[in-house]
Amino acid sequence: MGQTRRALAHDHLLQAPDTFVRASLPGMRGATAIVHIAPAAGARFTQYTVEFAAGSAVAPCAAQRFLYVLDGEVSAGGRSLSKGEFTYLPPHDPVEIQARSAARAAVIEKPYDPLPDIPAPSRFTASESDIPIQLLGGDPDLEVRTLLPGDLQFDFAVNTMVYQPGASLPMVEIHVMEHGLLMLEGEGIYRLGNCWYPVTAGDFIWMAPYCPQWFGALGKTPAKYLIYKDWNRHPK
């Protein structure tokens, strides 16, 4: 009847699964994409979920690419990746992403912003489970894993964050970085700007620079999300 939790404002977007539109993008064979955010909406990066069918593939691209496996198994550069594993592909990397069976993956693409005398990063693959847990502000109920190295080669960061039920960010954050956030597990309340939204696994959120933001976990199970931000570069 025309009702949805989806919301769009000048500084944020909430995209719920009931509004997802699927389409194949150039370079995809047998796969489809749910484009969550792109420069058309004001973002400086693109994030989408790829739904792979058996035997499908995603071609290389000119931008740097980060891929995190949500379900199933894919291969990249001769390496097999299963749920919770990820790969970083530098600009113009010739690697094709392939799937022998049905799978899903979160993909982030961004034009690389070089620095003088700093080489672009190299391709690498890792598993989230091998990344050390850090406690945000020392809070044992708020765990962070930093998936990309923090050195100046990288111009963006991708983390996972896990909140125990009732845990929340210690402050309303307002900063120059923009975010792309995919809810992986659980549920909670997100403040975006001056609005408050119930969110749950499967939702996507975009936050523009300086969008006031805060999250608190609700329910009986932990809440977890995958979050992108631009990083290590002077604001533009």
C-alpha atoms as a PDB file:
ATOM      1  CA  MET A   1       0.000   0.000   0.000  1.00  0.00           C
ATOM      2  CA  GLY A   2       2.908   2.349  -0.689  1.00  0.00           C
ATOM      3  CA  GLN A   3       4.460   2.089   2.791  1.00  0.00           C
ATOM      4  CA  THR A   4       8.213   1.580   3.366  1.00  0.00           C
ATOM      5  CA  ARG A   5      10.935   2.391   5.888  1.00  0.00           C
ATOM      6  CA  ARG A   6      13.044   3.771   3.052  1.00  0.00           C
ATOM      7  CA  ALA A   7      14.032   7.422   3.460  1.00  0.00           C
ATOM      8  CA  LEU A   8      16.015   9.957   1.445  1.00  0.00           C
ATOM      9  CA  ALA A   9      17.244  13.348   2.676  1.00  0.00           C
ATOM     10  CA  HIS A  10      19.936  15.735   1.514  1.00  0.00           C
ATOM     11  CA  ASP A  11      22.477  14.207   3.899  1.00  0.00           C
ATOM     12  CA  HIS A  12      21.411  10.566   4.259  1.00  0.00           C
ATOM     13  CA  LEU A  13      19.703   7.579   2.661  1.00  0.00           C
ATOM     14  CA  LEU A  14      18.087   4.546   4.251  1.00  0.00           C
ATOM     15  CA  GLN A  15      17.430   1.742   1.775  1.00  0.00           C
ATOM     16  CA  ALA A  16      15.361  -1.218   3.013  1.00  0.00           C
ATOM     17  CA  PRO A  17      15.194  -4.579   1.196  1.00  0.00           C
ATOM     18  CA  ASP A  18      11.550  -4.071   0.186  1.00  0.00           C
ATOM     19  CA  THR A  19      12.720  -1.252  -2.118  1.00  0.00           C
ATOM     20  CA  PHE A  20      15.735  -3.014  -3.681  1.00  0.00           C
ATOM     21  CA  VAL A  21      15.866  -2.912  -7.476  1.00  0.00           C
ATOM     22  CA  ARG A  22      18.047  -5.483  -9.227  1.00  0.00           C
ATOM     23  CA  ALA A  23      19.805  -4.984 -12.545  1.00  0.00           C
ATOM     24  CA  SER A  24      22.837  -6.348 -14.332  1.00  0.00           C
ATOM     25  CA  LEU A  25      25.668  -3.825 -14.732  1.00  0.00           C
ATOM     26  CA  PRO A  26      28.146  -3.688 -17.621  1.00  0.00           C
ATOM     27  CA  GLY A  27      30.793  -6.351 -17.105  1.00  0.00           C
ATOM     28  CA  MET A  28      28.464  -8.734 -15.267  1.00  0.00           C
ATOM     29  CA  ARG A  29      27.738 -12.176 -16.738  1.00  0.00           C
ATOM     30  CA  GLY A  30      24.880 -13.996 -15.049  1.00  0.00           C
ATOM     31  CA  ALA A  31      25.040 -11.749 -11.972  1.00  0.00           C
ATOM     32  CA  THR A  32      22.834  -8.872 -10.838  1.00  0.00           C
ATOM     33  CA  ALA A  33      23.494  -5.823  -8.684  1.00  0.00           C
ATOM     34  CA  ILE A  34      21.538  -3.913  -6.071  1.00  0.00           C
ATOM     35  CA  VAL A  35      23.095  -0.449  -6.311  1.00  0.00           C
ATOM     36  CA  HIS A  36      22.811   1.125  -2.875  1.00  0.00           C
ATOM     37  CA  ILE A  37      24.601   4.431  -3.455  1.00  0.00           C
ATOM     38  CA  ALA A  38      26.465   6.082  -6.325  1.00  0.00           C
ATOM     39  CA  PRO A  39      27.701   9.516  -7.419  1.00  0.00           C
ATOM     40  CA  ALA A  40      24.253  10.134  -8.955  1.00  0.00           C
ATOM     41  CA  ALA A  41      23.023  10.655  -5.363  1.00  0.00           C
ATOM     42  CA  GLY A  42      25.968  12.816  -4.307  1.00  0.00           C
ATOM     43  CA  ALA A  43      28.324  10.137  -3.003  1.00  0.00           C
ATOM     44  CA  ARG A  44      32.000  10.018  -3.902  1.00  0.00           C
ATOM     45  CA  PHE A  45      32.005   6.230  -4.139  1.00  0.00           C
ATOM     46  CA  THR A  46      29.733   3.423  -5.342  1.00  0.00           C
ATOM     47  CA  GLN A  47      28.462   0.558  -3.212  1.00  0.00           C
ATOM     48  CA  TYR A  48      26.339  -2.351  -4.349  1.00  0.00           C
ATOM     49  CA  THR A  49      25.472  -5.933  -3.488  1.00  0.00           C
ATOM     50  CA  VAL A  50      26.223  -8.515  -6.167  1.00  0.00           C
ATOM     51  CA  GLU A  51      23.970 -11.559  -6.390  1.00  0.00           C
ATOM     52  CA  PHE A  52      25.875 -14.293  -8.223  1.00  0.00           C
ATOM     53  CA  ALA A  53      24.211 -17.182 -10.019  1.00  0.00           C
ATOM     54  CA  ALA A  54      26.111 -20.407 -10.663  1.00  0.00           C
ATOM     55  CA  GLY A  55      28.803 -19.770 -13.252  1.00  0.00           C
ATOM     56  CA  SER A  56      28.463 -15.984 -13.147  1.00  0.00           C
ATOM     57  CA  ALA A  57      31.240 -13.395 -13.077  1.00  0.00           C
ATOM     58  CA  VAL A  58      32.017  -9.698 -12.617  1.00  0.00           C
ATOM     59  CA  ALA A  59      34.637  -8.154 -14.921  1.00  0.00           C
ATOM     60  CA  PRO A  60      37.521  -5.922 -13.750  1.00  0.00           C
ATOM     61  CA  CYS A  61      37.018  -2.164 -13.493  1.00  0.00           C
ATOM     62  CA  ALA A  62      39.168   0.968 -13.593  1.00  0.00           C
ATOM     63  CA  ALA A  63      38.385   1.949  -9.982  1.00  0.00           C
ATOM     64  CA  GLN A  64      39.802   0.287  -6.903  1.00  0.00           C
ATOM     65  CA  ARG A  65      37.440  -2.360  -5.603  1.00  0.00           C
ATOM     66  CA  PHE A  66      36.746  -3.914  -2.186  1.00  0.00           C
ATOM     67  CA  LEU A  67      34.655  -7.114  -2.022  1.00  0.00           C
ATOM     68  CA  TYR A  68      33.290  -8.745   1.156  1.00  0.00           C
ATOM     69  CA  VAL A  69      31.526 -12.110   0.848  1.00  0.00           C
ATOM     70  CA  LEU A  70      28.077 -12.207   2.475  1.00  0.00           C
ATOM     71  CA  ASP A  71      27.001 -15.739   1.502  1.00  0.00           C
ATOM     72  CA  GLY A  72      28.350 -18.580  -0.594  1.00  0.00           C
ATOM     73  CA  GLU A  73      31.771 -18.638  -2.201  1.00  0.00           C
ATOM     74  CA  VAL A  74      33.491 -16.649  -4.945  1.00  0.00           C
ATOM     75  CA  SER A  75      36.982 -16.665  -6.420  1.00  0.00           C
ATOM     76  CA  ALA A  76      39.310 -13.770  -7.225  1.00  0.00           C
ATOM     77  CA  GLY A  77      42.806 -14.070  -8.672  1.00  0.00           C
ATOM     78  CA  GLY A  78      42.921 -17.802  -7.989  1.00  0.00           C
ATOM     79  CA  ARG A  79      41.857 -17.370  -4.368  1.00  0.00           C
ATOM     80  CA  SER A  80      38.606 -18.781  -3.024  1.00  0.00           C
ATOM     81  CA  LEU A  81      36.637 -16.527  -0.686  1.00  0.00           C
ATOM     82  CA  SER A  82      33.794 -17.635   1.589  1.00  0.00           C
ATOM     83  CA  LYS A  83      31.512 -15.783   4.011  1.00  0.00           C
ATOM     84  CA  GLY A  84      33.397 -13.159   6.037  1.00  0.00           C
ATOM     85  CA  GLU A  85      36.419 -13.159   3.729  1.00  0.00           C
ATOM     86  CA  PHE A  86      37.328 -10.189   1.558  1.00  0.00           C
ATOM     87  CA  THR A  87      39.676  -8.902  -1.114  1.00  0.00           C
ATOM     88  CA  TYR A  88      41.060  -5.513  -2.100  1.00  0.00           C
ATOM     89  CA  LEU A  89      41.775  -4.929  -5.801  1.00  0.00           C
ATOM     90  CA  PRO A  90      43.805  -1.848  -6.785  1.00  0.00           C
ATOM     91  CA  PRO A  91      42.876   0.399  -9.729  1.00  0.00           C
ATOM     92  CA  HIS A  92      42.845  -1.377 -13.117  1.00  0.00           C
ATOM     93  CA  ASP A  93      43.487  -4.759 -11.500  1.00  0.00           C
ATOM     94  CA  PRO A  94      42.734  -7.401 -14.183  1.00  0.00           C
ATOM     95  CA  VAL A  95      41.134  -9.861 -11.754  1.00  0.00           C
ATOM     96  CA  GLU A  96      37.637 -11.131 -12.552  1.00  0.00           C
ATOM     97  CA  ILE A  97      35.318 -12.166  -9.701  1.00  0.00           C
ATOM     98  CA  GLN A  98      33.723 -15.556 -10.385  1.00  0.00           C
ATOM     99  CA  ALA A  99      31.193 -17.824  -8.666  1.00  0.00           C
ATOM    100  CA  ARG A 100      30.636 -21.528  -9.291  1.00  0.00           C
ATOM    101  CA  SER A 101      27.397 -21.515  -7.287  1.00  0.00           C
ATOM    102  CA  ALA A 102      24.967 -18.956  -5.883  1.00  0.00           C
ATOM    103  CA  ALA A 103      26.645 -16.313  -3.707  1.00  0.00           C
ATOM    104  CA  ARG A 104      26.302 -12.721  -2.507  1.00  0.00           C
ATOM    105  CA  ALA A 105      28.962 -10.088  -1.902  1.00  0.00           C
ATOM    106  CA  ALA A 106      29.153  -6.440  -0.883  1.00  0.00           C
ATOM    107  CA  VAL A 107      31.239  -4.372  -3.311  1.00  0.00           C
ATOM    108  CA  ILE A 108      32.699  -0.888  -2.848  1.00  0.00           C
ATOM    109  CA  GLU A 109      34.294   0.967  -5.761  1.00  0.00           C
ATOM    110  CA  LYS A 110      36.084   4.300  -5.603  1.00  0.00           C
ATOM    111  CA  PRO A 111      38.430   6.202  -7.949  1.00  0.00           C
ATOM    112  CA  TYR A 112      41.867   6.179  -6.352  1.00  0.00           C
ATOM    113  CA  ASP A 113      43.156   9.461  -4.931  1.00  0.00           C
ATOM    114  CA  PRO A 114      46.989   9.244  -5.182  1.00  0.00           C
ATOM    115  CA  LEU A 115      49.544  11.009  -3.008  1.00  0.00           C
ATOM    116  CA  PRO A 116      52.990  12.109  -4.245  1.00  0.00           C
ATOM    117  CA  ASP A 117      55.658   9.459  -3.629  1.00  0.00           C
ATOM    118  CA  ILE A 118      53.116   7.039  -2.127  1.00  0.00           C
ATOM    119  CA  PRO A 119      52.528   3.923  -4.265  1.00  0.00           C
ATOM    120  CA  ALA A 120      49.024   2.553  -4.765  1.00  0.00           C
ATOM    121  CA  PRO A 121      48.179  -0.485  -2.630  1.00  0.00           C
ATOM    122  CA  SER A 122      48.643  -4.008  -3.933  1.00  0.00           C
ATOM    123  CA  ARG A 123      45.978  -6.676  -4.173  1.00  0.00           C
ATOM    124  CA  PHE A 124      45.406  -8.703  -1.037  1.00  0.00           C
ATOM    125  CA  THR A 125      42.921 -11.143   0.472  1.00  0.00           C
ATOM    126  CA  ALA A 126      42.099 -11.764   4.129  1.00  0.00           C
ATOM    127  CA  SER A 127      39.491 -13.102   6.520  1.00  0.00           C
ATOM    128  CA  GLU A 128      37.569 -10.938   8.976  1.00  0.00           C
ATOM    129  CA  SER A 129      38.029 -13.602  11.650  1.00  0.00           C
ATOM    130  CA  ASP A 130      41.817 -13.119  11.502  1.00  0.00           C
ATOM    131  CA  ILE A 131      41.606  -9.363  12.177  1.00  0.00           C
ATOM    132  CA  PRO A 132      42.207  -8.427  15.848  1.00  0.00           C
ATOM    133  CA  ILE A 133      39.231  -7.045  17.748  1.00  0.00           C
ATOM    134  CA  GLN A 134      39.501  -3.508  19.088  1.00  0.00           C
ATOM    135  CA  LEU A 135      37.129  -2.160  21.734  1.00  0.00           C
ATOM    136  CA  LEU A 136      35.686   1.227  20.785  1.00  0.00           C
ATOM    137  CA  GLY A 137      36.447   3.562  23.664  1.00  0.00           C
ATOM    138  CA  GLY A 138      37.341   0.536  25.784  1.00  0.00           C
ATOM    139  CA  ASP A 139      33.709  -0.645  25.782  1.00  0.00           C
ATOM    140  CA  PRO A 140      33.644  -4.490  25.884  1.00  0.00           C
ATOM    141  CA  ASP A 141      30.187  -4.435  24.264  1.00  0.00           C
ATOM    142  CA  LEU A 142      31.359  -2.588  21.138  1.00  0.00           C
ATOM    143  CA  GLU A 143      33.839  -4.438  18.936  1.00  0.00           C
ATOM    144  CA  VAL A 144      35.603  -3.080  15.839  1.00  0.00           C
ATOM    145  CA  ARG A 145      37.626  -4.933  13.217  1.00  0.00           C
ATOM    146  CA  THR A 146      39.672  -2.794  10.802  1.00  0.00           C
ATOM    147  CA  LEU A 147      39.698  -4.677   7.506  1.00  0.00           C
ATOM    148  CA  LEU A 148      42.030  -2.427   5.492  1.00  0.00           C
ATOM    149  CA  PRO A 149      45.495  -1.287   6.644  1.00  0.00           C
ATOM    150  CA  GLY A 150      45.566   2.256   8.010  1.00  0.00           C
ATOM    151  CA  ASP A 151      48.649   3.468   6.111  1.00  0.00           C
ATOM    152  CA  LEU A 152      48.622   6.296   3.571  1.00  0.00           C
ATOM    153  CA  GLN A 153      48.492   3.962   0.584  1.00  0.00           C
ATOM    154  CA  PHE A 154      44.783   3.495   1.276  1.00  0.00           C
ATOM    155  CA  ASP A 155      42.366   6.378   0.736  1.00  0.00           C
ATOM    156  CA  PHE A 156      39.395   4.673   2.369  1.00  0.00           C
ATOM    157  CA  ALA A 157      38.678   2.407   5.322  1.00  0.00           C
ATOM    158  CA  VAL A 158      36.289  -0.519   5.778  1.00  0.00           C
ATOM    159  CA  ASN A 159      35.437  -1.860   9.229  1.00  0.00           C
ATOM    160  CA  THR A 160      32.979  -4.238  10.814  1.00  0.00           C
ATOM    161  CA  MET A 161      31.366  -3.232  14.089  1.00  0.00           C
ATOM    162  CA  VAL A 162      29.509  -5.492  16.525  1.00  0.00           C
ATOM    163  CA  TYR A 163      27.221  -4.129  19.247  1.00  0.00           C
ATOM    164  CA  GLN A 164      25.923  -6.275  22.072  1.00  0.00           C
ATOM    165  CA  PRO A 165      22.209  -5.710  22.802  1.00  0.00           C
ATOM    166  CA  GLY A 166      21.827  -2.325  24.479  1.00  0.00           C
ATOM    167  CA  ALA A 167      25.264  -1.042  23.408  1.00  0.00           C
ATOM    168  CA  SER A 168      25.484   2.265  21.556  1.00  0.00           C
ATOM    169  CA  LEU A 169      27.910   4.801  20.182  1.00  0.00           C
ATOM    170  CA  PRO A 170      29.166   7.015  23.027  1.00  0.00           C
ATOM    171  CA  MET A 171      28.370  10.249  21.159  1.00  0.00           C
ATOM    172  CA  VAL A 172      26.564  11.722  18.180  1.00  0.00           C
ATOM    173  CA  GLU A 173      29.260  11.858  15.498  1.00  0.00           C
ATOM    174  CA  ILE A 174      29.536  14.764  13.036  1.00  0.00           C
ATOM    175  CA  HIS A 175      32.561  14.627  10.729  1.00  0.00           C
ATOM    176  CA  VAL A 176      33.881  15.269   7.233  1.00  0.00           C
ATOM    177  CA  MET A 177      33.971  11.593   6.202  1.00  0.00           C
ATOM    178  CA  GLU A 178      31.001  10.030   4.417  1.00  0.00           C
ATOM    179  CA  HIS A 179      29.816   6.497   5.133  1.00  0.00           C
ATOM    180  CA  GLY A 180      28.290   3.541   3.399  1.00  0.00           C
ATOM    181  CA  LEU A 181      26.842   1.069   5.912  1.00  0.00           C
ATOM    182  CA  LEU A 182      25.350  -2.379   5.320  1.00  0.00           C
ATOM    183  CA  MET A 183      23.541  -3.991   8.256  1.00  0.00           C
ATOM    184  CA  LEU A 184      24.709  -7.604   8.480  1.00  0.00           C
ATOM    185  CA  GLU A 185      23.000  -8.865  11.647  1.00  0.00           C
ATOM    186  CA  GLY A 186      20.591  -7.771  14.360  1.00  0.00           C
ATOM    187  CA  GLU A 187      18.647  -4.544  14.673  1.00  0.00           C
ATOM    188  CA  GLY A 188      18.666  -1.161  16.329  1.00  0.00           C
ATOM    189  CA  ILE A 189      17.917   2.541  16.055  1.00  0.00           C
ATOM    190  CA  TYR A 190      19.915   4.886  13.831  1.00  0.00           C
ATOM    191  CA  ARG A 191      19.883   8.654  14.169  1.00  0.00           C
ATOM    192  CA  LEU A 192      20.579  10.340  10.829  1.00  0.00           C
ATOM    193  CA  GLY A 193      20.385  14.113  10.845  1.00  0.00           C
ATOM    194  CA  ASN A 194      17.373  14.942  12.996  1.00  0.00           C
ATOM    195  CA  CYS A 195      15.536  11.707  12.117  1.00  0.00           C
ATOM    196  CA  TRP A 196      15.431   8.393  13.987  1.00  0.00           C
ATOM    197  CA  TYR A 197      15.034   5.130  12.067  1.00  0.00           C
ATOM    198  CA  PRO A 198      14.527   1.496  13.066  1.00  0.00           C
ATOM    199  CA  VAL A 199      17.071  -0.578  11.132  1.00  0.00           C
ATOM    200  CA  THR A 200      17.617  -4.302  10.720  1.00  0.00           C
ATOM    201  CA  ALA A 201      19.799  -6.831   8.897  1.00  0.00           C
ATOM    202  CA  GLY A 202      19.779  -6.210   5.155  1.00  0.00           C
ATOM    203  CA  ASP A 203      19.326  -2.426   5.359  1.00  0.00           C
ATOM    204  CA  PHE A 204      21.771  -0.018   3.746  1.00  0.00           C
ATOM    205  CA  ILE A 205      22.573   3.509   4.977  1.00  0.00           C
ATOM    206  CA  TRP A 206      24.493   6.316   3.286  1.00  0.00           C
ATOM    207  CA  MET A 207      25.663   9.248   5.410  1.00  0.00           C
ATOM    208  CA  ALA A 208      26.959  12.409   3.736  1.00  0.00           C
ATOM    209  CA  PRO A 209      29.799  14.457   5.243  1.00  0.00           C
ATOM    210  CA  TYR A 210      28.726  16.187   8.462  1.00  0.00           C
ATOM    211  CA  CYS A 211      25.492  14.191   8.778  1.00  0.00           C
ATOM    212  CA  PRO A 212      24.795  13.805  12.536  1.00  0.00           C
ATOM    213  CA  GLN A 213      24.838  10.063  13.250  1.00  0.00           C
ATOM    214  CA  TRP A 214      24.346   7.722  16.194  1.00  0.00           C
ATOM    215  CA  PHE A 215      23.438   4.031  16.602  1.00  0.00           C
ATOM    216  CA  GLY A 216      22.101   1.917  19.440  1.00  0.00           C
ATOM    217  CA  ALA A 217      21.521  -1.852  19.290  1.00  0.00           C
ATOM    218  CA  LEU A 218      18.161  -3.337  20.252  1.00  0.00           C
ATOM    219  CA  GLY A 219      16.751  -6.844  20.456  1.00  0.00           C
ATOM    220  CA  LYS A 220      18.193 -10.004  21.989  1.00  0.00           C
ATOM    221  CA  THR A 221      21.049 -10.674  19.559  1.00  0.00           C
ATOM    222  CA  PRO A 222      24.110  -8.587  18.644  1.00  0.00           C
ATOM    223  CA  ALA A 223      23.892  -6.031  15.844  1.00  0.00           C
ATOM    224  CA  LYS A 224      26.651  -5.983  13.233  1.00  0.00           C
ATOM    225  CA  TYR A 225      27.410  -3.816  10.246  1.00  0.00           C
ATOM    226  CA  LEU A 226      30.013  -3.298   7.524  1.00  0.00           C
ATOM    227  CA  ILE A 227      30.968   0.375   7.218  1.00  0.00           C
ATOM    228  CA  TYR A 228      32.968   2.386   4.655  1.00  0.00           C
ATOM    229  CA  LYS A 229      34.515   5.830   5.064  1.00  0.00           C
ATOM    230  CA  ASP A 230      36.926   7.951   3.023  1.00  0.00           C
ATOM    231  CA  TRP A 231      40.220   8.294   4.887  1.00  0.00           C
ATOM    232  CA  ASN A 232      43.846   9.436   4.830  1.00  0.00           C
ATOM    233  CA  ARG A 233      43.320  12.343   2.433  1.00  0.00           C
ATOM    234  CA  HIS A 234      42.790  16.103   2.797  1.00  0.00           C
ATOM    235  CA  PRO A 235      39.092  17.034   2.540  1.00  0.00           C
ATOM    236  CA  LYS A 236      37.911  18.213  -0.871  1.00  0.00           C
END
